Amino acid sequence: MRQTIALLLAGLILSSVTACNMVQGAGRDIESVGRAGKDAMH
């Protein structure tokens, strides 16, 4: 029982870290697109 709980917690922690990295990466992508558009207009 303890092993199952430990595995579930580890899985949740890993998936939350991965989701956080994906959101940060998407934010950087959007920011770079905005910068590229701004540079193209000037």
Protein backbone atom coordinates (compact mmCIF):
# COMPACT_ATOMS: atom_id res chain seq x y z
CA MET A 1 0.00 0.00 0.00
CA ARG A 2 2.78 2.44 0.90
CA GLN A 3 4.61 1.69 -2.34
CA THR A 4 1.49 2.48 -4.35
CA ILE A 5 1.02 5.81 -2.56
CA ALA A 6 4.70 6.67 -3.01
CA LEU A 7 4.53 5.87 -6.73
CA LEU A 8 1.38 7.95 -7.15
CA LEU A 9 2.97 10.91 -5.37
CA ALA A 10 6.13 10.62 -7.45
CA GLY A 11 4.06 10.50 -10.63
CA LEU A 12 2.07 13.57 -9.61
CA ILE A 13 5.23 15.51 -8.76
CA LEU A 14 6.89 14.59 -12.04
CA SER A 15 3.84 15.45 -14.10
CA SER A 16 3.42 18.81 -12.36
CA VAL A 17 7.07 19.68 -13.01
CA THR A 18 6.67 18.71 -16.66
CA ALA A 19 3.50 20.78 -17.00
CA CYS A 20 5.27 23.76 -15.46
CA ASN A 21 8.11 23.48 -17.95
CA MET A 22 5.64 23.23 -20.83
CA VAL A 23 3.82 26.39 -19.71
CA GLN A 24 7.12 28.27 -19.36
CA GLY A 25 8.20 27.08 -22.79
CA ALA A 26 4.91 28.19 -24.33
CA GLY A 27 5.30 31.58 -22.68
CA ARG A 28 8.79 31.95 -24.14
CA ASP A 29 7.52 30.95 -27.59
CA ILE A 30 4.73 33.52 -27.48
CA GLU A 31 7.15 36.17 -26.28
CA SER A 32 9.59 35.44 -29.12
CA VAL A 33 6.78 35.63 -31.69
CA GLY A 34 5.75 39.01 -30.27
CA ARG A 35 9.34 40.26 -30.46
CA ALA A 36 9.70 39.03 -34.04
CA GLY A 37 6.48 40.82 -35.05
CA LYS A 38 7.63 44.01 -33.37
CA ASP A 39 11.03 43.83 -35.10
CA ALA A 40 9.36 43.22 -38.46
CA MET A 41 7.22 46.36 -38.07
CA HIS A 42 10.21 48.59 -37.31
